[in-house]
């Protein structure tokens, strides 16, 4: 299930990237490419669709990311395994603090 959600996250990310690249600031974007009067959708309608797609993909990406976190934490908790990094932290020895302590200066008397 996690692999499916991860695939959907990648697809949504790529689609969101392309949708954002289509847009231009200040209301230009893909709508500025259509200058004819006999177009199927008007300029305002094209901007609305691109904006709705952007918001929809952003919300979907947020939802999928949170959902993947739920599946990831439940799969690692149920197996009882620790990550490799956590095992290295648990097995690490602390250095001797006296080894790196500076020596006391000699008395000039």
N, C-alpha and C. Protein backbone atom coordinates (compact mmCIF):
# COMPACT_ATOMS: atom_id res chain seq x y z
N UNK A 1 0.83 -1.19 0.00
CA UNK A 1 0.00 0.00 0.00
C UNK A 1 0.87 1.25 0.00
N UNK A 2 1.98 1.17 0.72
CA UNK A 2 2.89 2.32 0.78
C UNK A 2 3.46 2.62 -0.60
N UNK A 3 3.77 1.58 -1.37
CA UNK A 3 4.33 1.78 -2.72
C UNK A 3 3.30 2.46 -3.63
N UNK A 4 2.05 2.11 -3.50
CA UNK A 4 1.00 2.74 -4.29
C UNK A 4 0.87 4.23 -3.96
N UNK A 5 0.88 4.54 -2.67
CA UNK A 5 0.78 5.94 -2.26
C UNK A 5 2.01 6.71 -2.69
N UNK A 6 3.17 6.09 -2.61
CA UNK A 6 4.40 6.75 -3.06
C UNK A 6 4.36 7.03 -4.56
N UNK A 7 3.83 6.11 -5.33
CA UNK A 7 3.68 6.32 -6.77
C UNK A 7 2.72 7.47 -7.05
N UNK A 8 1.62 7.53 -6.33
CA UNK A 8 0.66 8.63 -6.51
C UNK A 8 1.27 9.98 -6.11
N UNK A 9 2.11 9.98 -5.09
CA UNK A 9 2.80 11.21 -4.68
C UNK A 9 3.72 11.70 -5.80
N UNK A 10 4.45 10.79 -6.41
CA UNK A 10 5.36 11.16 -7.49
C UNK A 10 4.58 11.70 -8.69
N UNK A 11 3.49 11.04 -9.05
CA UNK A 11 2.67 11.50 -10.17
C UNK A 11 2.08 12.87 -9.88
N UNK A 12 1.57 13.07 -8.67
CA UNK A 12 0.99 14.37 -8.31
C UNK A 12 2.06 15.46 -8.29
N UNK A 13 3.26 15.13 -7.86
CA UNK A 13 4.34 16.12 -7.82
C UNK A 13 4.75 16.56 -9.23
N UNK A 14 4.88 15.60 -10.12
CA UNK A 14 5.25 15.92 -11.50
C UNK A 14 4.14 16.73 -12.18
N UNK A 15 2.90 16.32 -11.97
CA UNK A 15 1.77 17.06 -12.56
C UNK A 15 1.69 18.47 -12.00
N UNK A 16 1.91 18.63 -10.71
CA UNK A 16 1.88 19.96 -10.10
C UNK A 16 3.01 20.83 -10.65
N UNK A 17 4.16 20.24 -10.87
CA UNK A 17 5.28 20.98 -11.45
C UNK A 17 4.92 21.51 -12.83
N UNK A 18 4.33 20.67 -13.66
CA UNK A 18 3.96 21.11 -15.01
C UNK A 18 2.85 22.15 -14.98
N UNK A 19 1.89 21.99 -14.09
CA UNK A 19 0.80 22.96 -14.00
C UNK A 19 1.33 24.32 -13.55
N UNK A 20 2.25 24.32 -12.60
CA UNK A 20 2.82 25.58 -12.13
C UNK A 20 3.66 26.23 -13.22
N UNK A 21 4.37 25.43 -14.01
CA UNK A 21 5.18 25.99 -15.09
C UNK A 21 4.31 26.58 -16.21
N UNK A 22 3.11 26.07 -16.36
CA UNK A 22 2.19 26.61 -17.37
C UNK A 22 1.76 28.02 -16.99
N UNK A 23 1.61 28.26 -15.71
CA UNK A 23 1.10 29.55 -15.25
C UNK A 23 2.14 30.64 -15.40
N UNK A 24 1.65 31.85 -15.52
CA UNK A 24 2.51 33.03 -15.47
C UNK A 24 1.97 33.92 -14.37
N UNK A 25 2.83 34.70 -13.75
CA UNK A 25 2.32 35.61 -12.73
C UNK A 25 1.42 36.67 -13.35
N UNK A 26 0.59 37.24 -12.55
CA UNK A 26 -0.33 38.32 -12.95
C UNK A 26 -1.37 37.87 -13.97
N UNK A 27 -1.76 36.61 -13.94
CA UNK A 27 -2.88 36.16 -14.76
C UNK A 27 -2.56 35.84 -16.19
N UNK A 28 -1.29 35.71 -16.57
CA UNK A 28 -0.93 35.36 -17.94
C UNK A 28 -1.01 33.87 -18.13
N UNK A 29 0.08 33.26 -18.44
CA UNK A 29 0.17 31.80 -18.53
C UNK A 29 -0.38 31.25 -19.82
N UNK A 30 -0.99 30.11 -19.72
CA UNK A 30 -1.50 29.42 -20.90
C UNK A 30 -2.60 30.22 -21.58
N UNK A 31 -3.31 31.01 -20.82
CA UNK A 31 -4.39 31.79 -21.39
C UNK A 31 -3.89 32.83 -22.37
N UNK A 32 -2.68 33.32 -22.22
CA UNK A 32 -2.16 34.34 -23.13
C UNK A 32 -1.80 33.75 -24.49
N UNK A 33 -1.67 32.43 -24.59
CA UNK A 33 -1.36 31.80 -25.87
C UNK A 33 -2.56 31.75 -26.79
N UNK A 34 -3.75 31.83 -26.26
CA UNK A 34 -4.96 31.80 -27.07
C UNK A 34 -5.41 33.23 -27.33
N UNK A 35 -5.20 33.69 -28.53
CA UNK A 35 -5.57 35.07 -28.80
C UNK A 35 -6.74 35.17 -29.76
N UNK A 36 -7.16 34.06 -30.32
CA UNK A 36 -8.27 34.09 -31.27
C UNK A 36 -9.61 34.25 -30.57
N UNK A 37 -10.59 34.80 -31.29
CA UNK A 37 -11.92 34.99 -30.71
C UNK A 37 -12.77 33.75 -30.79
N UNK A 38 -12.37 32.75 -31.56
CA UNK A 38 -13.19 31.56 -31.74
C UNK A 38 -12.67 30.37 -30.95
N UNK A 39 -12.12 30.62 -29.82
CA UNK A 39 -11.58 29.53 -29.00
C UNK A 39 -12.70 28.86 -28.21
N UNK A 40 -12.43 27.66 -27.78
CA UNK A 40 -13.46 26.88 -27.07
C UNK A 40 -13.68 27.45 -25.68
N UNK A 41 -12.60 27.69 -24.96
CA UNK A 41 -12.71 28.26 -23.62
C UNK A 41 -12.15 29.67 -23.65
N UNK A 42 -12.75 30.55 -22.91
CA UNK A 42 -12.25 31.92 -22.85
C UNK A 42 -11.00 32.00 -22.00
N UNK A 43 -10.36 33.16 -22.03
CA UNK A 43 -9.14 33.36 -21.27
C UNK A 43 -9.41 33.22 -19.78
N UNK A 44 -10.49 33.80 -19.31
CA UNK A 44 -10.81 33.74 -17.89
C UNK A 44 -11.07 32.29 -17.47
N UNK A 45 -11.78 31.56 -18.31
CA UNK A 45 -12.09 30.17 -17.99
C UNK A 45 -10.82 29.32 -17.94
N UNK A 46 -9.87 29.55 -18.82
CA UNK A 46 -8.62 28.79 -18.83
C UNK A 46 -7.83 29.04 -17.55
N UNK A 47 -7.77 30.29 -17.11
CA UNK A 47 -7.07 30.59 -15.87
C UNK A 47 -7.73 29.93 -14.67
N UNK A 48 -9.06 29.86 -14.67
CA UNK A 48 -9.77 29.22 -13.56
C UNK A 48 -9.45 27.73 -13.50
N UNK A 49 -9.40 27.08 -14.67
CA UNK A 49 -9.11 25.65 -14.69
C UNK A 49 -7.69 25.38 -14.20
N UNK A 50 -6.73 26.17 -14.65
CA UNK A 50 -5.34 25.97 -14.24
C UNK A 50 -5.20 26.23 -12.74
N UNK A 51 -5.88 27.25 -12.24
CA UNK A 51 -5.82 27.54 -10.80
C UNK A 51 -6.47 26.43 -9.98
N UNK A 52 -7.60 25.92 -10.44
CA UNK A 52 -8.26 24.83 -9.72
C UNK A 52 -7.41 23.56 -9.75
N UNK A 53 -6.76 23.29 -10.87
CA UNK A 53 -5.86 22.13 -10.94
C UNK A 53 -4.69 22.29 -9.97
N UNK A 54 -4.16 23.50 -9.88
CA UNK A 54 -3.03 23.74 -8.97
C UNK A 54 -3.45 23.48 -7.53
N UNK A 55 -4.56 24.06 -7.13
CA UNK A 55 -5.03 23.85 -5.75
C UNK A 55 -5.41 22.40 -5.50
N UNK A 56 -6.05 21.77 -6.45
CA UNK A 56 -6.44 20.36 -6.28
C UNK A 56 -5.24 19.44 -6.14
N UNK A 57 -4.23 19.66 -6.97
CA UNK A 57 -3.03 18.83 -6.87
C UNK A 57 -2.25 19.11 -5.59
N UNK A 58 -2.24 20.37 -5.15
CA UNK A 58 -1.55 20.69 -3.90
C UNK A 58 -2.22 20.01 -2.71
N UNK A 59 -3.55 20.05 -2.68
CA UNK A 59 -4.29 19.39 -1.58
C UNK A 59 -4.11 17.88 -1.66
N UNK A 60 -4.15 17.32 -2.87
CA UNK A 60 -3.95 15.88 -3.03
C UNK A 60 -2.55 15.47 -2.57
N UNK A 61 -1.56 16.28 -2.90
CA UNK A 61 -0.19 15.97 -2.49
C UNK A 61 -0.06 16.02 -0.97
N UNK A 62 -0.67 17.00 -0.35
CA UNK A 62 -0.66 17.10 1.11
C UNK A 62 -1.33 15.89 1.74
N UNK A 63 -2.50 15.52 1.23
CA UNK A 63 -3.23 14.38 1.76
C UNK A 63 -2.45 13.08 1.58
N UNK A 64 -1.88 12.88 0.39
CA UNK A 64 -1.12 11.66 0.14
C UNK A 64 0.13 11.58 1.01
N UNK A 65 0.77 12.71 1.25
CA UNK A 65 1.97 12.72 2.10
C UNK A 65 1.62 12.34 3.53
N UNK A 66 0.54 12.89 4.04
CA UNK A 66 0.12 12.55 5.41
C UNK A 66 -0.30 11.09 5.49
N UNK A 67 -0.98 10.61 4.47
CA UNK A 67 -1.41 9.21 4.46
C UNK A 67 -0.21 8.27 4.41
N UNK A 68 0.80 8.63 3.62
CA UNK A 68 1.98 7.77 3.54
C UNK A 68 2.70 7.71 4.88
N UNK A 69 2.69 8.80 5.62
CA UNK A 69 3.31 8.82 6.94
C UNK A 69 2.61 7.85 7.89
N UNK A 70 1.30 7.76 7.78
CA UNK A 70 0.56 6.82 8.63
C UNK A 70 0.94 5.38 8.30
N UNK A 71 1.04 5.07 7.00
CA UNK A 71 1.39 3.71 6.62
C UNK A 71 2.84 3.39 6.95
N UNK A 72 3.71 4.36 6.84
CA UNK A 72 5.12 4.13 7.14
C UNK A 72 5.33 3.87 8.62
N UNK A 73 4.70 4.66 9.49
CA UNK A 73 4.90 4.47 10.92
C UNK A 73 4.25 3.18 11.40
N UNK A 74 3.12 2.81 10.82
CA UNK A 74 2.47 1.57 11.27
C UNK A 74 3.24 0.35 10.80
N UNK A 75 3.87 0.41 9.64
CA UNK A 75 4.61 -0.76 9.16
C UNK A 75 5.91 -0.94 9.94
N UNK A 76 6.55 0.14 10.36
CA UNK A 76 7.80 -0.01 11.11
C UNK A 76 7.54 -0.38 12.57
N UNK A 77 6.41 0.07 13.14
CA UNK A 77 6.08 -0.28 14.52
C UNK A 77 5.67 -1.74 14.65
N UNK A 78 4.98 -2.27 13.64
CA UNK A 78 4.48 -3.64 13.75
C UNK A 78 5.60 -4.66 13.63
N UNK A 79 6.65 -4.36 12.89
CA UNK A 79 7.72 -5.33 12.72
C UNK A 79 8.69 -5.33 13.89
N UNK A 80 8.74 -4.23 14.63
CA UNK A 80 9.61 -4.15 15.78
C UNK A 80 11.06 -3.90 15.42
N UNK A 81 11.35 -3.61 14.16
CA UNK A 81 12.72 -3.38 13.73
C UNK A 81 13.08 -1.91 13.91
N UNK A 82 14.36 -1.70 14.20
CA UNK A 82 14.87 -0.34 14.29
C UNK A 82 15.58 0.01 13.00
N UNK A 83 15.69 1.26 12.73
CA UNK A 83 16.44 1.68 11.56
C UNK A 83 17.93 1.47 11.81
N UNK A 84 18.69 1.44 10.76
CA UNK A 84 20.13 1.23 10.87
C UNK A 84 20.77 2.39 11.63
N UNK A 85 20.32 3.59 11.36
CA UNK A 85 20.87 4.76 12.04
C UNK A 85 20.57 4.70 13.53
N UNK A 86 19.34 4.31 13.90
CA UNK A 86 18.99 4.23 15.32
C UNK A 86 19.81 3.16 16.02
N UNK A 87 20.08 2.05 15.34
CA UNK A 87 20.92 1.01 15.94
C UNK A 87 22.34 1.51 16.17
N UNK A 88 22.88 2.29 15.22
CA UNK A 88 24.22 2.83 15.39
C UNK A 88 24.27 3.82 16.55
N UNK A 89 23.22 4.59 16.72
CA UNK A 89 23.17 5.54 17.84
C UNK A 89 23.12 4.80 19.16
N UNK A 90 22.30 3.76 19.21
CA UNK A 90 22.17 2.99 20.45
C UNK A 90 23.46 2.25 20.81
N UNK A 91 24.21 1.80 19.81
CA UNK A 91 25.42 1.02 20.05
C UNK A 91 26.67 1.89 20.19
N UNK A 92 26.56 3.16 19.95
CA UNK A 92 27.73 4.03 19.99
C UNK A 92 28.20 4.23 21.43
N UNK A 93 29.51 4.33 21.57
CA UNK A 93 30.08 4.58 22.90
C UNK A 93 30.38 6.07 23.02
N UNK A 94 30.15 6.60 24.17
CA UNK A 94 30.45 8.00 24.40
C UNK A 94 31.95 8.18 24.60
N UNK A 95 32.51 9.24 24.06
CA UNK A 95 33.96 9.46 24.25
C UNK A 95 34.26 9.83 25.70
N UNK A 96 35.48 9.56 26.11
CA UNK A 96 35.93 9.90 27.45
C UNK A 96 36.14 11.42 27.51
N UNK A 97 35.41 12.13 28.37
CA UNK A 97 35.55 13.58 28.40
C UNK A 97 36.92 14.04 28.89
N UNK A 98 37.61 13.22 29.69
CA UNK A 98 38.93 13.60 30.19
C UNK A 98 40.01 13.48 29.12
N UNK A 99 39.74 12.72 28.09
CA UNK A 99 40.72 12.53 27.04
C UNK A 99 40.99 13.83 26.28
N UNK A 100 39.95 14.65 26.14
CA UNK A 100 40.09 15.88 25.38
C UNK A 100 40.18 17.12 26.25
N UNK A 101 40.28 16.95 27.57
CA UNK A 101 40.37 18.09 28.48
C UNK A 101 41.74 18.74 28.36
N UNK A 102 41.80 20.07 28.36
CA UNK A 102 43.12 20.72 28.27
C UNK A 102 43.88 20.53 29.57
N UNK A 103 45.17 20.50 29.44
CA UNK A 103 46.02 20.33 30.62
C UNK A 103 46.10 21.67 31.36
N UNK A 104 46.27 21.55 32.69
CA UNK A 104 46.38 22.76 33.48
C UNK A 104 47.74 23.42 33.21
N UNK A 105 47.76 24.75 33.10
CA UNK A 105 49.04 25.42 32.84
C UNK A 105 49.98 25.27 34.04
N UNK A 106 51.26 25.23 33.75
CA UNK A 106 52.27 25.09 34.81
C UNK A 106 52.37 26.39 35.59
N UNK A 107 52.63 26.26 36.89
CA UNK A 107 52.79 27.47 37.72
C UNK A 107 54.12 28.15 37.41
N UNK A 108 54.10 29.45 37.13
CA UNK A 108 55.36 30.12 36.78
C UNK A 108 56.19 30.51 38.02
N UNK A 109 55.90 30.03 39.16
CA UNK A 109 56.63 30.42 40.37
C UNK A 109 57.97 29.88 40.45
